[in-house]
Protein backbone atom coordinates (compact mmCIF):
# COMPACT_ATOMS: atom_id res chain seq x y z
CA UNK A 1 -103.43 180.64 -51.00
CA UNK A 2 -102.72 184.30 -50.39
CA UNK A 3 -103.73 186.99 -47.93
CA UNK A 4 -106.93 188.81 -48.84
CA UNK A 5 -106.43 192.33 -47.50
CA UNK A 6 -106.80 192.12 -43.72
CA UNK A 7 -109.69 189.62 -43.87
CA UNK A 8 -107.89 186.30 -43.98
CA UNK A 9 -106.55 183.83 -46.53
CA UNK A 10 -107.93 183.43 -50.03
CA UNK A 11 -107.84 180.37 -52.26
CA UNK A 12 -107.27 181.26 -55.89
CA UNK A 13 -106.55 179.49 -59.15
CA UNK A 14 -105.98 180.17 -62.80
CA UNK A 15 -106.09 177.68 -65.64
CA UNK A 16 -105.27 177.73 -69.31
CA UNK A 17 -108.45 177.75 -71.42
CA UNK A 18 -107.43 174.30 -72.72
CA UNK A 19 -107.96 172.94 -69.18
CA UNK A 20 -111.34 174.58 -68.57
CA UNK A 21 -114.34 172.37 -67.92
CA UNK A 22 -112.35 169.29 -66.91
CA UNK A 23 -112.69 169.52 -63.13
CA UNK A 24 -109.08 170.50 -62.47
CA UNK A 25 -109.92 173.75 -60.67
CA UNK A 26 -112.38 172.03 -58.34
CA UNK A 27 -110.02 169.17 -57.60
CA UNK A 28 -107.02 171.40 -56.91
CA UNK A 29 -108.94 174.01 -54.93
CA UNK A 30 -110.62 171.31 -52.82
CA UNK A 31 -107.20 169.92 -51.85
CA UNK A 32 -105.94 173.40 -50.92
CA UNK A 33 -109.07 174.26 -48.91
CA UNK A 34 -108.93 170.94 -47.04
CA UNK A 35 -105.25 171.47 -46.26
CA UNK A 36 -105.85 175.04 -45.10
CA UNK A 37 -108.70 174.11 -42.77
CA UNK A 38 -107.27 170.88 -41.37
CA UNK A 39 -103.48 170.72 -41.51
CA UNK A 40 -102.85 174.47 -41.27
CA UNK A 41 -105.84 175.03 -38.98
CA UNK A 42 -107.15 178.26 -40.48
CA UNK A 43 -110.49 179.40 -39.04
CA UNK A 44 -111.91 180.03 -42.53
CA UNK A 45 -111.01 180.20 -46.20
CA UNK A 46 -112.03 183.07 -48.48
CA UNK A 47 -112.41 183.54 -52.23
CA UNK A 48 -113.21 186.41 -54.58
CA UNK A 49 -114.96 185.81 -57.89
CA UNK A 50 -115.62 188.34 -60.63
CA UNK A 51 -119.34 189.00 -60.75
CA UNK A 52 -120.72 187.08 -63.72
CA UNK A 53 -117.96 184.45 -63.79
CA UNK A 54 -120.35 181.53 -63.58
CA UNK A 55 -117.68 178.85 -64.02
CA UNK A 56 -115.66 180.05 -61.01
CA UNK A 57 -118.83 180.59 -59.01
CA UNK A 58 -119.72 176.92 -59.60
CA UNK A 59 -116.25 175.81 -58.47
CA UNK A 60 -116.38 177.88 -55.29
CA UNK A 61 -119.92 176.84 -54.38
CA UNK A 62 -119.08 173.15 -55.01
CA UNK A 63 -116.43 173.57 -52.32
CA UNK A 64 -119.05 174.83 -49.89
CA UNK A 65 -118.10 178.50 -49.82
CA UNK A 66 -121.00 180.95 -49.50
CA UNK A 67 -121.21 184.62 -50.52
CA UNK A 68 -120.90 187.28 -47.84
CA UNK A 69 -120.04 190.58 -49.59
CA UNK A 70 -119.69 192.39 -52.89
CA UNK A 71 -116.78 194.78 -53.36
CA UNK A 72 -115.46 196.85 -56.23
CA UNK A 73 -112.43 195.35 -57.96
CA UNK A 74 -110.15 196.83 -60.61
CA UNK A 75 -112.26 195.32 -63.42
CA UNK A 76 -115.66 195.47 -61.77
CA UNK A 77 -117.62 193.97 -58.89
CA UNK A 78 -116.21 190.98 -56.99
CA UNK A 79 -118.28 188.59 -54.91
CA UNK A 80 -116.54 187.48 -51.71
CA UNK A 81 -117.12 183.96 -50.42
CA UNK A 82 -116.13 182.16 -47.22
CA UNK A 83 -116.07 178.69 -45.73
CA UNK A 84 -115.80 178.06 -42.01
CA UNK A 85 -115.43 174.48 -40.83
């Protein structure tokens, strides 16, 4: 988790290519999102995904986050997602 500008808290992850496609990102991110919304009591959780990164989009949408904005990132467009309990 980290602050996302002045919007709120973002869940993020990065895996070695050897770990891709094995469900680790979904499992870990789900635990973090659940902790953030229940134990910590955040009003929402955010995420940014590079436009066209279908694998990360699948992870984020599996967690129930929905898109709400597109912004320009350093390497191109980013889709912003949020989940409110």
